[in-house]
Amino acid sequence: MCVGISGSITLTKEKIKQYALLSGDFNQIHLNQEAAERFGFKAPIAHGMLTMGLALEIVSSFIEKGMRISTYEMQFLKPIFQNDTIHLVGEKMQLENDSPTFVIEGRNGNQVVVTGEFVLTRE
C-alpha cells in the first residue's frame, strides 16, 4: 500500500535572498538577473539546497517519533526560477528492514523539476 502526501512551495525572491544570507552562498546566478542570463538562465535560479530543505518540510509529516532520516537524496532535473511554485508529492513506497522508503517528485506545471528519496530508520 502506498501512502502519500503533497504540498506546494513557492521559491520567492525573499526566500532565496534569506537562504543566501544564512548559507553564505551568494553566487549571483541566484540573486542577479544579468548574472543568471550570462550562465544561460532566463532568470535567477533557486538554490538546490533551499529547494531540498523546503521539500523535506512538506514530507516530514511522515517522520514518526523515534525515527530519523538516514538517507536523503535529491536530483535537480530542471532549474527552478524565482517565484516558481513547485508542487511536491511524496509517497511511501516500501518497508525494508523496518525502514520506510519515500520517493518525492516535484513539478513546475507539467514538468518534473526534482525527484528524490529519503529513508527512515529507528533511533
PDB file of N, CA and C in Angstrom:
ATOM      1  N   MET A   1       0.835  -1.182   0.000  1.00  0.00           N
ATOM      2  CA  MET A   1       0.000   0.000   0.000  1.00  0.00           C
ATOM      3  C   MET A   1       0.880   1.247   0.000  1.00  0.00           C
ATOM      4  N   CYS A   2       0.582   2.189  -0.863  1.00  0.00           N
ATOM      5  CA  CYS A   2       1.321   3.453  -0.914  1.00  0.00           C
ATOM      6  C   CYS A   2       0.560   4.505  -0.114  1.00  0.00           C
ATOM      7  N   VAL A   3       1.285   5.267   0.650  1.00  0.00           N
ATOM      8  CA  VAL A   3       0.735   6.376   1.415  1.00  0.00           C
ATOM      9  C   VAL A   3       1.367   7.632   0.846  1.00  0.00           C
ATOM     10  N   GLY A   4       0.588   8.662   0.609  1.00  0.00           N
ATOM     11  CA  GLY A   4       1.161   9.854   0.001  1.00  0.00           C
ATOM     12  C   GLY A   4       0.794  11.131   0.719  1.00  0.00           C
ATOM     13  N   ILE A   5       1.556  12.140   0.406  1.00  0.00           N
ATOM     14  CA  ILE A   5       1.316  13.484   0.924  1.00  0.00           C
ATOM     15  C   ILE A   5       1.759  14.450  -0.165  1.00  0.00           C
ATOM     16  N   SER A   6       1.153  15.616  -0.196  1.00  0.00           N
ATOM     17  CA  SER A   6       1.561  16.597  -1.203  1.00  0.00           C
ATOM     18  C   SER A   6       1.483  17.998  -0.615  1.00  0.00           C
ATOM     19  N   GLY A   7       2.120  18.907  -1.293  1.00  0.00           N
ATOM     20  CA  GLY A   7       2.115  20.301  -0.894  1.00  0.00           C
ATOM     21  C   GLY A   7       2.857  21.122  -1.929  1.00  0.00           C
ATOM     22  N   SER A   8       2.774  22.401  -1.812  1.00  0.00           N
ATOM     23  CA  SER A   8       3.426  23.291  -2.767  1.00  0.00           C
ATOM     24  C   SER A   8       4.350  24.259  -2.050  1.00  0.00           C
ATOM     25  N   ILE A   9       5.417  24.626  -2.746  1.00  0.00           N
ATOM     26  CA  ILE A   9       6.335  25.642  -2.248  1.00  0.00           C
ATOM     27  C   ILE A   9       6.552  26.665  -3.356  1.00  0.00           C
ATOM     28  N   THR A  10       6.651  27.915  -2.974  1.00  0.00           N
ATOM     29  CA  THR A  10       6.982  28.971  -3.922  1.00  0.00           C
ATOM     30  C   THR A  10       8.337  29.524  -3.534  1.00  0.00           C
ATOM     31  N   LEU A  11       9.265  29.528  -4.476  1.00  0.00           N
ATOM     32  CA  LEU A  11      10.636  29.986  -4.232  1.00  0.00           C
ATOM     33  C   LEU A  11      10.703  31.476  -4.546  1.00  0.00           C
ATOM     34  N   THR A  12      10.274  32.274  -3.576  1.00  0.00           N
ATOM     35  CA  THR A  12      10.226  33.724  -3.762  1.00  0.00           C
ATOM     36  C   THR A  12      11.626  34.334  -3.748  1.00  0.00           C
ATOM     37  N   LYS A  13      11.713  35.522  -4.267  1.00  0.00           N
ATOM     38  CA  LYS A  13      12.971  36.264  -4.231  1.00  0.00           C
ATOM     39  C   LYS A  13      13.443  36.437  -2.793  1.00  0.00           C
ATOM     40  N   GLU A  14      12.507  36.699  -1.893  1.00  0.00           N
ATOM     41  CA  GLU A  14      12.856  36.895  -0.480  1.00  0.00           C
ATOM     42  C   GLU A  14      13.400  35.607   0.147  1.00  0.00           C
ATOM     43  N   LYS A  15      12.785  34.462  -0.131  1.00  0.00           N
ATOM     44  CA  LYS A  15      13.293  33.188   0.402  1.00  0.00           C
ATOM     45  C   LYS A  15      14.706  32.915  -0.114  1.00  0.00           C
ATOM     46  N   ILE A  16      14.917  33.193  -1.382  1.00  0.00           N
ATOM     47  CA  ILE A  16      16.242  32.966  -1.978  1.00  0.00           C
ATOM     48  C   ILE A  16      17.269  33.888  -1.336  1.00  0.00           C
ATOM     49  N   LYS A  17      16.903  35.146  -1.140  1.00  0.00           N
ATOM     50  CA  LYS A  17      17.808  36.106  -0.503  1.00  0.00           C
ATOM     51  C   LYS A  17      18.119  35.687   0.937  1.00  0.00           C
ATOM     52  N   GLN A  18      17.098  35.264   1.689  1.00  0.00           N
ATOM     53  CA  GLN A  18      17.310  34.815   3.067  1.00  0.00           C
ATOM     54  C   GLN A  18      18.212  33.586   3.106  1.00  0.00           C
ATOM     55  N   TYR A  19      18.003  32.667   2.171  1.00  0.00           N
ATOM     56  CA  TYR A  19      18.842  31.470   2.146  1.00  0.00           C
ATOM     57  C   TYR A  19      20.292  31.852   1.858  1.00  0.00           C
ATOM     58  N   ALA A  20      20.511  32.783   0.951  1.00  0.00           N
ATOM     59  CA  ALA A  20      21.872  33.233   0.646  1.00  0.00           C
ATOM     60  C   ALA A  20      22.531  33.805   1.908  1.00  0.00           C
ATOM     61  N   LEU A  21      21.793  34.601   2.663  1.00  0.00           N
ATOM     62  CA  LEU A  21      22.337  35.180   3.893  1.00  0.00           C
ATOM     63  C   LEU A  21      22.666  34.104   4.924  1.00  0.00           C
ATOM     64  N   LEU A  22      21.795  33.127   5.061  1.00  0.00           N
ATOM     65  CA  LEU A  22      22.014  32.061   6.048  1.00  0.00           C
ATOM     66  C   LEU A  22      23.122  31.095   5.648  1.00  0.00           C
ATOM     67  N   SER A  23      23.199  30.788   4.361  1.00  0.00           N
ATOM     68  CA  SER A  23      24.154  29.773   3.892  1.00  0.00           C
ATOM     69  C   SER A  23      25.503  30.363   3.506  1.00  0.00           C
ATOM     70  N   GLY A  24      25.522  31.658   3.195  1.00  0.00           N
ATOM     71  CA  GLY A  24      26.747  32.269   2.694  1.00  0.00           C
ATOM     72  C   GLY A  24      26.965  32.027   1.210  1.00  0.00           C
ATOM     73  N   ASP A  25      25.968  31.460   0.532  1.00  0.00           N
ATOM     74  CA  ASP A  25      26.066  31.195  -0.911  1.00  0.00           C
ATOM     75  C   ASP A  25      25.494  32.390  -1.670  1.00  0.00           C
ATOM     76  N   PHE A  26      26.396  33.296  -2.052  1.00  0.00           N
ATOM     77  CA  PHE A  26      25.992  34.499  -2.759  1.00  0.00           C
ATOM     78  C   PHE A  26      26.275  34.424  -4.254  1.00  0.00           C
ATOM     79  N   ASN A  27      26.329  33.218  -4.796  1.00  0.00           N
ATOM     80  CA  ASN A  27      26.519  33.068  -6.241  1.00  0.00           C
ATOM     81  C   ASN A  27      25.449  33.903  -6.934  1.00  0.00           C
ATOM     82  N   GLN A  28      25.878  34.760  -7.818  1.00  0.00           N
ATOM     83  CA  GLN A  28      24.976  35.733  -8.430  1.00  0.00           C
ATOM     84  C   GLN A  28      23.927  35.120  -9.345  1.00  0.00           C
ATOM     85  N   ILE A  29      24.078  33.850  -9.749  1.00  0.00           N
ATOM     86  CA  ILE A  29      23.013  33.232 -10.563  1.00  0.00           C
ATOM     87  C   ILE A  29      21.729  33.070  -9.743  1.00  0.00           C
ATOM     88  N   HIS A  30      21.840  33.178  -8.429  1.00  0.00           N
ATOM     89  CA  HIS A  30      20.668  33.092  -7.565  1.00  0.00           C
ATOM     90  C   HIS A  30      20.060  34.459  -7.258  1.00  0.00           C
ATOM     91  N   LEU A  31      20.817  35.515  -7.475  1.00  0.00           N
ATOM     92  CA  LEU A  31      20.413  36.835  -6.976  1.00  0.00           C
ATOM     93  C   LEU A  31      20.333  37.930  -8.023  1.00  0.00           C
ATOM     94  N   ASN A  32      20.899  37.712  -9.198  1.00  0.00           N
ATOM     95  CA  ASN A  32      21.054  38.799 -10.154  1.00  0.00           C
ATOM     96  C   ASN A  32      20.620  38.350 -11.551  1.00  0.00           C
ATOM     97  N   GLN A  33      19.720  39.103 -12.150  1.00  0.00           N
ATOM     98  CA  GLN A  33      19.184  38.774 -13.477  1.00  0.00           C
ATOM     99  C   GLN A  33      20.282  38.680 -14.537  1.00  0.00           C
ATOM    100  N   GLU A  34      21.169  39.670 -14.581  1.00  0.00           N
ATOM    101  CA  GLU A  34      22.215  39.682 -15.611  1.00  0.00           C
ATOM    102  C   GLU A  34      23.168  38.491 -15.456  1.00  0.00           C
ATOM    103  N   ALA A  35      23.540  38.178 -14.238  1.00  0.00           N
ATOM    104  CA  ALA A  35      24.427  37.039 -13.991  1.00  0.00           C
ATOM    105  C   ALA A  35      23.751  35.739 -14.394  1.00  0.00           C
ATOM    106  N   ALA A  36      22.486  35.594 -14.061  1.00  0.00           N
ATOM    107  CA  ALA A  36      21.752  34.386 -14.443  1.00  0.00           C
ATOM    108  C   ALA A  36      21.722  34.244 -15.968  1.00  0.00           C
ATOM    109  N   GLU A  37      21.466  35.328 -16.665  1.00  0.00           N
ATOM    110  CA  GLU A  37      21.427  35.294 -18.133  1.00  0.00           C
ATOM    111  C   GLU A  37      22.788  34.945 -18.720  1.00  0.00           C
ATOM    112  N   ARG A  38      23.873  35.447 -18.114  1.00  0.00           N
ATOM    113  CA  ARG A  38      25.225  35.124 -18.600  1.00  0.00           C
ATOM    114  C   ARG A  38      25.488  33.618 -18.553  1.00  0.00           C
ATOM    115  N   PHE A  39      24.841  32.937 -17.621  1.00  0.00           N
ATOM    116  CA  PHE A  39      25.019  31.493 -17.499  1.00  0.00           C
ATOM    117  C   PHE A  39      23.908  30.698 -18.180  1.00  0.00           C
ATOM    118  N   GLY A  40      23.122  31.380 -19.012  1.00  0.00           N
ATOM    119  CA  GLY A  40      22.128  30.693 -19.829  1.00  0.00           C
ATOM    120  C   GLY A  40      20.763  30.497 -19.200  1.00  0.00           C
ATOM    121  N   PHE A  41      20.500  31.154 -18.080  1.00  0.00           N
ATOM    122  CA  PHE A  41      19.199  31.039 -17.435  1.00  0.00           C
ATOM    123  C   PHE A  41      18.357  32.255 -17.775  1.00  0.00           C
ATOM    124  N   LYS A  42      17.045  32.068 -17.853  1.00  0.00           N
ATOM    125  CA  LYS A  42      16.164  33.192 -18.190  1.00  0.00           C
ATOM    126  C   LYS A  42      15.974  34.153 -17.012  1.00  0.00           C
ATOM    127  N   ALA A  43      16.270  33.668 -15.804  1.00  0.00           N
ATOM    128  CA  ALA A  43      16.099  34.465 -14.584  1.00  0.00           C
ATOM    129  C   ALA A  43      16.936  33.815 -13.489  1.00  0.00           C
ATOM    130  N   PRO A  44      17.106  34.508 -12.350  1.00  0.00           N
ATOM    131  CA  PRO A  44      17.825  33.889 -11.239  1.00  0.00           C
ATOM    132  C   PRO A  44      17.171  32.570 -10.817  1.00  0.00           C
ATOM    133  N   ILE A  45      18.003  31.618 -10.433  1.00  0.00           N
ATOM    134  CA  ILE A  45      17.509  30.294 -10.043  1.00  0.00           C
ATOM    135  C   ILE A  45      17.613  30.109  -8.529  1.00  0.00           C
ATOM    136  N   ALA A  46      16.730  29.280  -8.004  1.00  0.00           N
ATOM    137  CA  ALA A  46      16.749  28.974  -6.576  1.00  0.00           C
ATOM    138  C   ALA A  46      17.924  28.060  -6.261  1.00  0.00           C
ATOM    139  N   HIS A  47      18.442  28.177  -5.065  1.00  0.00           N
ATOM    140  CA  HIS A  47      19.481  27.271  -4.579  1.00  0.00           C
ATOM    141  C   HIS A  47      18.903  25.858  -4.495  1.00  0.00           C
ATOM    142  N   GLY A  48      19.672  24.874  -4.907  1.00  0.00           N
ATOM    143  CA  GLY A  48      19.225  23.491  -4.805  1.00  0.00           C
ATOM    144  C   GLY A  48      18.967  23.070  -3.380  1.00  0.00           C
ATOM    145  N   MET A  49      19.844  23.470  -2.468  1.00  0.00           N
ATOM    146  CA  MET A  49      19.683  23.063  -1.076  1.00  0.00           C
ATOM    147  C   MET A  49      18.478  23.737  -0.414  1.00  0.00           C
ATOM    148  N   LEU A  50      18.110  24.923  -0.873  1.00  0.00           N
ATOM    149  CA  LEU A  50      16.891  25.569  -0.389  1.00  0.00           C
ATOM    150  C   LEU A  50      15.682  24.746  -0.818  1.00  0.00           C
ATOM    151  N   THR A  51      15.660  24.358  -2.074  1.00  0.00           N
ATOM    152  CA  THR A  51      14.567  23.532  -2.595  1.00  0.00           C
ATOM    153  C   THR A  51      14.487  22.218  -1.827  1.00  0.00           C
ATOM    154  N   MET A  52      15.633  21.608  -1.593  1.00  0.00           N
ATOM    155  CA  MET A  52      15.689  20.330  -0.879  1.00  0.00           C
ATOM    156  C   MET A  52      15.146  20.470   0.547  1.00  0.00           C
ATOM    157  N   GLY A  53      15.521  21.536   1.215  1.00  0.00           N
ATOM    158  CA  GLY A  53      15.052  21.765   2.576  1.00  0.00           C
ATOM    159  C   GLY A  53      13.555  22.019   2.642  1.00  0.00           C
ATOM    160  N   LEU A  54      13.031  22.808   1.723  1.00  0.00           N
ATOM    161  CA  LEU A  54      11.603  23.087   1.712  1.00  0.00           C
ATOM    162  C   LEU A  54      10.803  21.843   1.353  1.00  0.00           C
ATOM    163  N   ALA A  55      11.348  21.007   0.481  1.00  0.00           N
ATOM    164  CA  ALA A  55      10.686  19.741   0.140  1.00  0.00           C
ATOM    165  C   ALA A  55      10.604  18.851   1.374  1.00  0.00           C
ATOM    166  N   LEU A  56      11.670  18.793   2.132  1.00  0.00           N
ATOM    167  CA  LEU A  56      11.686  17.966   3.331  1.00  0.00           C
ATOM    168  C   LEU A  56      10.660  18.459   4.347  1.00  0.00           C
ATOM    169  N   GLU A  57      10.464  19.761   4.395  1.00  0.00           N
ATOM    170  CA  GLU A  57       9.470  20.317   5.320  1.00  0.00           C
ATOM    171  C   GLU A  57       8.080  19.731   5.039  1.00  0.00           C
ATOM    172  N   ILE A  58       7.752  19.563   3.765  1.00  0.00           N
ATOM    173  CA  ILE A  58       6.446  19.021   3.394  1.00  0.00           C
ATOM    174  C   ILE A  58       6.335  17.545   3.746  1.00  0.00           C
ATOM    175  N   VAL A  59       7.349  16.763   3.421  1.00  0.00           N
ATOM    176  CA  VAL A  59       7.247  15.315   3.624  1.00  0.00           C
ATOM    177  C   VAL A  59       7.613  14.897   5.048  1.00  0.00           C
ATOM    178  N   SER A  60       8.049  15.828   5.871  1.00  0.00           N
ATOM    179  CA  SER A  60       8.469  15.468   7.230  1.00  0.00           C
ATOM    180  C   SER A  60       7.322  14.962   8.092  1.00  0.00           C
ATOM    181  N   SER A  61       6.085  15.173   7.653  1.00  0.00           N
ATOM    182  CA  SER A  61       4.961  14.643   8.427  1.00  0.00           C
ATOM    183  C   SER A  61       4.970  13.114   8.458  1.00  0.00           C
ATOM    184  N   PHE A  62       5.751  12.497   7.577  1.00  0.00           N
ATOM    185  CA  PHE A  62       5.905  11.039   7.590  1.00  0.00           C
ATOM    186  C   PHE A  62       6.802  10.572   8.734  1.00  0.00           C
ATOM    187  N   ILE A  63       7.579  11.453   9.297  1.00  0.00           N
ATOM    188  CA  ILE A  63       8.568  11.050  10.290  1.00  0.00           C
ATOM    189  C   ILE A  63       7.889  10.862  11.641  1.00  0.00           C
ATOM    190  N   GLU A  64       7.858   9.632  12.064  1.00  0.00           N
ATOM    191  CA  GLU A  64       7.216   9.296  13.330  1.00  0.00           C
ATOM    192  C   GLU A  64       8.213   9.465  14.471  1.00  0.00           C
ATOM    193  N   LYS A  65       7.661   9.581  15.673  1.00  0.00           N
ATOM    194  CA  LYS A  65       8.502   9.673  16.859  1.00  0.00           C
ATOM    195  C   LYS A  65       9.391   8.431  16.938  1.00  0.00           C
ATOM    196  N   GLY A  66      10.653   8.640  17.277  1.00  0.00           N
ATOM    197  CA  GLY A  66      11.589   7.529  17.380  1.00  0.00           C
ATOM    198  C   GLY A  66      12.245   7.156  16.066  1.00  0.00           C
ATOM    199  N   MET A  67      12.001   7.958  15.017  1.00  0.00           N
ATOM    200  CA  MET A  67      12.622   7.687  13.715  1.00  0.00           C
ATOM    201  C   MET A  67      13.476   8.879  13.317  1.00  0.00           C
ATOM    202  N   ARG A  68      14.424   8.617  12.448  1.00  0.00           N
ATOM    203  CA  ARG A  68      15.268   9.688  11.904  1.00  0.00           C
ATOM    204  C   ARG A  68      15.517   9.411  10.428  1.00  0.00           C
ATOM    205  N   ILE A  69      15.905  10.437   9.733  1.00  0.00           N
ATOM    206  CA  ILE A  69      16.247  10.286   8.322  1.00  0.00           C
ATOM    207  C   ILE A  69      17.666   9.754   8.237  1.00  0.00           C
ATOM    208  N   SER A  70      17.834   8.621   7.587  1.00  0.00           N
ATOM    209  CA  SER A  70      19.177   8.061   7.441  1.00  0.00           C
ATOM    210  C   SER A  70      19.788   8.410   6.091  1.00  0.00           C
ATOM    211  N   THR A  71      18.953   8.605   5.082  1.00  0.00           N
ATOM    212  CA  THR A  71      19.423   8.957   3.743  1.00  0.00           C
ATOM    213  C   THR A  71      18.434   9.935   3.127  1.00  0.00           C
ATOM    214  N   TYR A  72      18.953  10.980   2.484  1.00  0.00           N
ATOM    215  CA  TYR A  72      18.096  11.929   1.769  1.00  0.00           C
ATOM    216  C   TYR A  72      18.860  12.396   0.548  1.00  0.00           C
ATOM    217  N   GLU A  73      18.302  12.111  -0.614  1.00  0.00           N
ATOM    218  CA  GLU A  73      18.938  12.489  -1.876  1.00  0.00           C
ATOM    219  C   GLU A  73      17.918  13.186  -2.758  1.00  0.00           C
ATOM    220  N   MET A  74      18.402  14.114  -3.557  1.00  0.00           N
ATOM    221  CA  MET A  74      17.517  14.794  -4.498  1.00  0.00           C
ATOM    222  C   MET A  74      18.277  15.062  -5.789  1.00  0.00           C
ATOM    223  N   GLN A  75      17.596  14.871  -6.893  1.00  0.00           N
ATOM    224  CA  GLN A  75      18.156  15.168  -8.207  1.00  0.00           C
ATOM    225  C   GLN A  75      17.419  16.390  -8.757  1.00  0.00           C
ATOM    226  N   PHE A  76      18.194  17.347  -9.236  1.00  0.00           N
ATOM    227  CA  PHE A  76      17.647  18.587  -9.776  1.00  0.00           C
ATOM    228  C   PHE A  76      17.655  18.456 -11.300  1.00  0.00           C
ATOM    229  N   LEU A  77      16.478  18.264 -11.889  1.00  0.00           N
ATOM    230  CA  LEU A  77      16.362  17.948 -13.304  1.00  0.00           C
ATOM    231  C   LEU A  77      16.243  19.187 -14.184  1.00  0.00           C
ATOM    232  N   LYS A  78      15.641  20.220 -13.677  1.00  0.00           N
ATOM    233  CA  LYS A  78      15.440  21.475 -14.405  1.00  0.00           C
ATOM    234  C   LYS A  78      15.642  22.621 -13.420  1.00  0.00           C
ATOM    235  N   PRO A  79      16.058  23.781 -13.910  1.00  0.00           N
ATOM    236  CA  PRO A  79      16.210  24.922 -12.999  1.00  0.00           C
ATOM    237  C   PRO A  79      14.862  25.361 -12.435  1.00  0.00           C
ATOM    238  N   ILE A  80      14.909  25.826 -11.206  1.00  0.00           N
ATOM    239  CA  ILE A  80      13.735  26.398 -10.563  1.00  0.00           C
ATOM    240  C   ILE A  80      14.020  27.884 -10.404  1.00  0.00           C
ATOM    241  N   PHE A  81      13.176  28.693 -11.000  1.00  0.00           N
ATOM    242  CA  PHE A  81      13.402  30.133 -11.039  1.00  0.00           C
ATOM    243  C   PHE A  81      12.669  30.839  -9.905  1.00  0.00           C
ATOM    244  N   GLN A  82      13.124  32.057  -9.628  1.00  0.00           N
ATOM    245  CA  GLN A  82      12.444  32.884  -8.638  1.00  0.00           C
ATOM    246  C   GLN A  82      10.956  32.923  -8.952  1.00  0.00           C
ATOM    247  N   ASN A  83      10.168  32.773  -7.916  1.00  0.00           N
ATOM    248  CA  ASN A  83       8.713  32.833  -7.969  1.00  0.00           C
ATOM    249  C   ASN A  83       8.042  31.626  -8.623  1.00  0.00           C
ATOM    250  N   ASP A  84       8.808  30.585  -8.961  1.00  0.00           N
ATOM    251  CA  ASP A  84       8.189  29.332  -9.410  1.00  0.00           C
ATOM    252  C   ASP A  84       7.518  28.669  -8.218  1.00  0.00           C
ATOM    253  N   THR A  85       6.390  28.062  -8.462  1.00  0.00           N
ATOM    254  CA  THR A  85       5.715  27.254  -7.447  1.00  0.00           C
ATOM    255  C   THR A  85       5.870  25.799  -7.845  1.00  0.00           C
ATOM    256  N   ILE A  86       6.418  25.022  -6.934  1.00  0.00           N
ATOM    257  CA  ILE A  86       6.679  23.609  -7.182  1.00  0.00           C
ATOM    258  C   ILE A  86       5.673  22.799  -6.381  1.00  0.00           C
ATOM    259  N   HIS A  87       4.967  21.904  -7.068  1.00  0.00           N
ATOM    260  CA  HIS A  87       4.037  21.008  -6.391  1.00  0.00           C
ATOM    261  C   HIS A  87       4.775  19.703  -6.111  1.00  0.00           C
ATOM    262  N   LEU A  88       4.853  19.346  -4.850  1.00  0.00           N
ATOM    263  CA  LEU A  88       5.589  18.159  -4.423  1.00  0.00           C
ATOM    264  C   LEU A  88       4.641  17.056  -3.979  1.00  0.00           C
ATOM    265  N   VAL A  89       4.998  15.839  -4.364  1.00  0.00           N
ATOM    266  CA  VAL A  89       4.261  14.659  -3.932  1.00  0.00           C
ATOM    267  C   VAL A  89       5.270  13.693  -3.344  1.00  0.00           C
ATOM    268  N   GLY A  90       4.987  13.202  -2.165  1.00  0.00           N
ATOM    269  CA  GLY A  90       5.826  12.184  -1.530  1.00  0.00           C
ATOM    270  C   GLY A  90       5.010  10.935  -1.312  1.00  0.00           C
ATOM    271  N   GLU A  91       5.592   9.784  -1.633  1.00  0.00           N
ATOM    272  CA  GLU A  91       4.895   8.513  -1.447  1.00  0.00           C
ATOM    273  C   GLU A  91       5.767   7.522  -0.687  1.00  0.00           C
ATOM    274  N   LYS A  92       5.156   6.851   0.268  1.00  0.00           N
ATOM    275  CA  LYS A  92       5.832   5.780   0.990  1.00  0.00           C
ATOM    276  C   LYS A  92       5.754   4.549   0.097  1.00  0.00           C
ATOM    277  N   MET A  93       6.928   4.066  -0.309  1.00  0.00           N
ATOM    278  CA  MET A  93       6.944   3.028  -1.323  1.00  0.00           C
ATOM    279  C   MET A  93       7.150   1.622  -0.775  1.00  0.00           C
ATOM    280  N   GLN A  94       7.953   1.455   0.239  1.00  0.00           N
ATOM    281  CA  GLN A  94       8.248   0.110   0.702  1.00  0.00           C
ATOM    282  C   GLN A  94       8.789   0.142   2.118  1.00  0.00           C
ATOM    283  N   LEU A  95       8.737  -0.986   2.745  1.00  0.00           N
ATOM    284  CA  LEU A  95       9.375  -1.162   4.045  1.00  0.00           C
ATOM    285  C   LEU A  95      10.466  -2.193   3.855  1.00  0.00           C
ATOM    286  N   GLU A  96      11.682  -1.779   4.115  1.00  0.00           N
ATOM    287  CA  GLU A  96      12.813  -2.694   4.003  1.00  0.00           C
ATOM    288  C   GLU A  96      13.525  -2.700   5.342  1.00  0.00           C
ATOM    289  N   ASN A  97      13.521  -3.843   6.009  1.00  0.00           N
ATOM    290  CA  ASN A  97      14.124  -3.946   7.339  1.00  0.00           C
ATOM    291  C   ASN A  97      13.553  -2.903   8.292  1.00  0.00           C
ATOM    292  N   ASP A  98      12.227  -2.713   8.224  1.00  0.00           N
ATOM    293  CA  ASP A  98      11.543  -1.752   9.082  1.00  0.00           C
ATOM    294  C   ASP A  98      11.987  -0.311   8.817  1.00  0.00           C
ATOM    295  N   SER A  99      12.520  -0.064   7.622  1.00  0.00           N
ATOM    296  CA  SER A  99      12.950   1.286   7.235  1.00  0.00           C
ATOM    297  C   SER A  99      12.089   1.778   6.079  1.00  0.00           C
ATOM    298  N   PRO A 100      11.107   2.624   6.354  1.00  0.00           N
ATOM    299  CA  PRO A 100      10.277   3.140   5.261  1.00  0.00           C
ATOM    300  C   PRO A 100      11.107   3.945   4.260  1.00  0.00           C
ATOM    301  N   THR A 101      10.837   3.735   2.983  1.00  0.00           N
ATOM    302  CA  THR A 101      11.478   4.480   1.909  1.00  0.00           C
ATOM    303  C   THR A 101      10.414   5.332   1.230  1.00  0.00           C
ATOM    304  N   PHE A 102      10.735   6.583   1.003  1.00  0.00           N
ATOM    305  CA  PHE A 102       9.804   7.508   0.382  1.00  0.00           C
ATOM    306  C   PHE A 102      10.417   8.101  -0.886  1.00  0.00           C
ATOM    307  N   VAL A 103       9.590   8.287  -1.886  1.00  0.00           N
ATOM    308  CA  VAL A 103      10.038   8.977  -3.094  1.00  0.00           C
ATOM    309  C   VAL A 103       9.312  10.309  -3.171  1.00  0.00           C
ATOM    310  N   ILE A 104      10.006  11.289  -3.708  1.00  0.00           N
ATOM    311  CA  ILE A 104       9.484  12.646  -3.831  1.00  0.00           C
ATOM    312  C   ILE A 104       9.581  13.049  -5.294  1.00  0.00           C
ATOM    313  N   GLU A 105       8.537  13.688  -5.785  1.00  0.00           N
ATOM    314  CA  GLU A 105       8.581  14.257  -7.130  1.00  0.00           C
ATOM    315  C   GLU A 105       8.058  15.677  -7.054  1.00  0.00           C
ATOM    316  N   GLY A 106       8.773  16.599  -7.690  1.00  0.00           N
ATOM    317  CA  GLY A 106       8.359  18.000  -7.718  1.00  0.00           C
ATOM    318  C   GLY A 106       8.114  18.443  -9.139  1.00  0.00           C
ATOM    319  N   ARG A 107       6.978  19.047  -9.367  1.00  0.00           N
ATOM    320  CA  ARG A 107       6.598  19.528 -10.704  1.00  0.00           C
ATOM    321  C   ARG A 107       6.379  21.034 -10.699  1.00  0.00           C
ATOM    322  N   ASN A 108       6.823  21.645 -11.766  1.00  0.00           N
ATOM    323  CA  ASN A 108       6.526  23.041 -12.049  1.00  0.00           C
ATOM    324  C   ASN A 108       5.631  23.007 -13.278  1.00  0.00           C
ATOM    325  N   GLY A 109       4.342  23.166 -13.062  1.00  0.00           N
ATOM    326  CA  GLY A 109       3.400  22.947 -14.162  1.00  0.00           C
ATOM    327  C   GLY A 109       3.416  21.469 -14.523  1.00  0.00           C
ATOM    328  N   ASN A 110       3.638  21.182 -15.808  1.00  0.00           N
ATOM    329  CA  ASN A 110       3.673  19.788 -16.266  1.00  0.00           C
ATOM    330  C   ASN A 110       5.073  19.188 -16.249  1.00  0.00           C
ATOM    331  N   GLN A 111       6.083  19.979 -15.921  1.00  0.00           N
ATOM    332  CA  GLN A 111       7.462  19.498 -15.961  1.00  0.00           C
ATOM    333  C   GLN A 111       7.933  19.003 -14.601  1.00  0.00           C
ATOM    334  N   VAL A 112       8.530  17.809 -14.598  1.00  0.00           N
ATOM    335  CA  VAL A 112       9.172  17.318 -13.385  1.00  0.00           C
ATOM    336  C   VAL A 112      10.503  18.047 -13.259  1.00  0.00           C
ATOM    337  N   VAL A 113      10.702  18.750 -12.145  1.00  0.00           N
ATOM    338  CA  VAL A 113      11.926  19.537 -11.970  1.00  0.00           C
ATOM    339  C   VAL A 113      12.869  18.942 -10.923  1.00  0.00           C
ATOM    340  N   VAL A 114      12.313  18.172  -9.971  1.00  0.00           N
ATOM    341  CA  VAL A 114      13.136  17.494  -8.967  1.00  0.00           C
ATOM    342  C   VAL A 114      12.527  16.133  -8.650  1.00  0.00           C
ATOM    343  N   THR A 115      13.404  15.200  -8.325  1.00  0.00           N
ATOM    344  CA  THR A 115      12.984  13.917  -7.778  1.00  0.00           C
ATOM    345  C   THR A 115      13.902  13.620  -6.610  1.00  0.00           C
ATOM    346  N   GLY A 116      13.435  12.799  -5.709  1.00  0.00           N
ATOM    347  CA  GLY A 116      14.277  12.480  -4.571  1.00  0.00           C
ATOM    348  C   GLY A 116      13.780  11.264  -3.829  1.00  0.00           C
ATOM    349  N   GLU A 117      14.527  10.934  -2.795  1.00  0.00           N
ATOM    350  CA  GLU A 117      14.208   9.771  -1.980  1.00  0.00           C
ATOM    351  C   GLU A 117      14.781   9.985  -0.591  1.00  0.00           C
ATOM    352  N   PHE A 118      14.037   9.537   0.413  1.00  0.00           N
ATOM    353  CA  PHE A 118      14.613   9.506   1.748  1.00  0.00           C
ATOM    354  C   PHE A 118      14.188   8.228   2.454  1.00  0.00           C
ATOM    355  N   VAL A 119      15.059   7.790   3.343  1.00  0.00           N
ATOM    356  CA  VAL A 119      14.856   6.547   4.095  1.00  0.00           C
ATOM    357  C   VAL A 119      14.853   6.903   5.569  1.00  0.00           C
ATOM    358  N   LEU A 120      13.909   6.308   6.294  1.00  0.00           N
ATOM    359  CA  LEU A 120      13.817   6.500   7.737  1.00  0.00           C
ATOM    360  C   LEU A 120      14.318   5.249   8.454  1.00  0.00           C
ATOM    361  N   THR A 121      14.949   5.449   9.587  1.00  0.00           N
ATOM    362  CA  THR A 121      15.350   4.334  10.435  1.00  0.00           C
ATOM    363  C   THR A 121      14.948   4.634  11.870  1.00  0.00           C
ATOM    364  N   ARG A 122      14.816   3.596  12.627  1.00  0.00           N
ATOM    365  CA  ARG A 122      14.505   3.755  14.057  1.00  0.00           C
ATOM    366  C   ARG A 122      15.754   4.191  14.795  1.00  0.00           C
ATOM    367  N   GLU A 123      15.594   5.097  15.747  1.00  0.00           N
ATOM    368  CA  GLU A 123      16.748   5.584  16.523  1.00  0.00           C
ATOM    369  C   GLU A 123      17.206   4.556  17.520  1.00  0.00           C
TER     370      GLU A 123
END
